[in-house]
Amino acid sequence: MSGGLRLLPWSTPEGKPCYLSTGSDHSRLSLLADDVEATQLDSGEQVLAGAKAVLADHAAGEDAVRFALTRASESLTEVLRIAYSRGARIHPHDC
């Protein structure tokens, strides 16, 4: 990272975004953020598979659908935060 702030993949207890200011993509906190992002993306894949299974089950009740949608919206929030963070770190010369 060459200057600027990195949006981290977690929020404050109040739900506000957290940012990291460092001159290196290899700082401990930056590497931890990379690991958390990878875990969130893996979890999102599992949530998506589960949501698809619930939607394909015509016998699934309202509680199952509500649970699947709640988890899917949480995962989408995490994935969007990762996308914004990574997009903000793309430099024009990298494209």
Protein backbone atom coordinates (compact mmCIF):
# COMPACT_ATOMS: atom_id res chain seq x y z
CA MET A 1 0.00 0.00 0.00
CA SER A 2 1.42 3.37 -0.90
CA GLY A 3 -0.31 5.79 1.46
CA GLY A 4 -3.99 6.10 2.06
CA LEU A 5 -6.19 4.13 4.38
CA ARG A 6 -7.20 0.50 4.11
CA LEU A 7 -10.79 -0.35 4.98
CA LEU A 8 -10.56 -3.29 7.36
CA PRO A 9 -12.93 -6.26 7.18
CA TRP A 10 -14.46 -5.54 10.59
CA SER A 11 -16.30 -2.71 12.30
CA THR A 12 -16.21 -1.05 15.69
CA PRO A 13 -18.68 -2.28 18.31
CA GLU A 14 -20.86 0.66 17.23
CA GLY A 15 -20.84 -0.59 13.62
CA LYS A 16 -18.51 2.10 12.27
CA PRO A 17 -15.83 1.17 9.72
CA CYS A 18 -12.24 0.59 10.83
CA TYR A 19 -9.29 1.77 8.77
CA LEU A 20 -5.59 0.96 8.79
CA SER A 21 -2.89 3.46 7.97
CA THR A 22 0.41 1.75 7.23
CA GLY A 23 3.15 2.00 4.66
CA SER A 24 3.20 -1.75 4.09
CA ASP A 25 0.83 -4.47 2.94
CA HIS A 26 2.93 -6.81 5.09
CA SER A 27 2.30 -5.32 8.53
CA ARG A 28 0.86 -7.69 11.13
CA LEU A 29 -2.52 -5.99 11.08
CA SER A 30 -2.64 -5.93 7.30
CA LEU A 31 -1.83 -9.64 7.14
CA LEU A 32 -4.47 -10.34 9.79
CA ALA A 33 -6.99 -8.39 7.69
CA ASP A 34 -6.03 -10.52 4.66
CA ASP A 35 -6.69 -13.68 6.69
CA VAL A 36 -10.03 -12.38 7.95
CA GLU A 37 -11.06 -11.47 4.38
CA ALA A 38 -10.17 -14.98 3.17
CA THR A 39 -12.21 -16.50 5.99
CA GLN A 40 -15.16 -14.23 5.21
CA LEU A 41 -15.04 -15.17 1.52
CA ASP A 42 -14.93 -18.89 2.38
CA SER A 43 -17.83 -18.43 4.76
CA GLY A 44 -19.75 -16.56 2.08
CA GLU A 45 -19.38 -19.51 -0.28
CA GLN A 46 -20.78 -21.84 2.39
CA VAL A 47 -23.66 -19.47 3.16
CA LEU A 48 -24.48 -19.21 -0.54
CA ALA A 49 -24.57 -23.00 -0.89
CA GLY A 50 -26.82 -23.25 2.15
CA ALA A 51 -29.15 -20.52 0.90
CA LYS A 52 -29.44 -22.21 -2.49
CA ALA A 53 -30.32 -25.48 -0.77
CA VAL A 54 -33.03 -23.81 1.32
CA LEU A 55 -34.47 -22.08 -1.74
CA ALA A 56 -34.51 -25.35 -3.67
CA ASP A 57 -36.39 -27.08 -0.84
CA HIS A 58 -40.06 -26.30 -1.45
CA ALA A 59 -40.86 -27.69 2.00
CA ALA A 60 -38.54 -25.20 3.73
CA GLY A 61 -40.47 -23.15 6.22
CA GLU A 62 -40.45 -19.43 6.84
CA ASP A 63 -37.90 -19.75 9.66
CA ALA A 64 -35.41 -21.58 7.39
CA VAL A 65 -35.83 -19.05 4.61
CA ARG A 66 -35.51 -16.12 7.03
CA PHE A 67 -32.36 -17.66 8.55
CA ALA A 68 -30.83 -18.24 5.11
CA LEU A 69 -31.63 -14.70 4.00
CA THR A 70 -30.22 -13.22 7.21
CA ARG A 71 -26.95 -15.12 6.81
CA ALA A 72 -26.80 -14.26 3.09
CA SER A 73 -27.26 -10.54 3.78
CA GLU A 74 -24.52 -10.66 6.44
CA SER A 75 -22.18 -12.39 3.99
CA LEU A 76 -23.01 -9.94 1.22
CA THR A 77 -22.21 -7.05 3.56
CA GLU A 78 -18.79 -8.60 4.27
CA VAL A 79 -18.08 -9.31 0.60
CA LEU A 80 -19.01 -5.76 -0.40
CA ARG A 81 -16.70 -4.36 2.30
CA ILE A 82 -13.88 -6.54 0.92
CA ALA A 83 -14.62 -5.37 -2.63
CA TYR A 84 -14.59 -1.69 -1.61
CA SER A 85 -11.38 -2.17 0.35
CA ARG A 86 -9.60 -3.97 -2.46
CA GLY A 87 -10.92 -1.58 -5.09
CA ALA A 88 -9.61 1.40 -3.13
CA ARG A 89 -6.15 -0.21 -3.07
CA ILE A 90 -5.92 -0.72 -6.84
CA HIS A 91 -3.54 1.78 -8.35
CA PRO A 92 -4.14 3.01 -11.91
CA HIS A 93 -0.80 1.59 -13.05
CA ASP A 94 -1.89 -1.88 -11.81
CA CYS A 95 -4.82 -2.01 -14.24
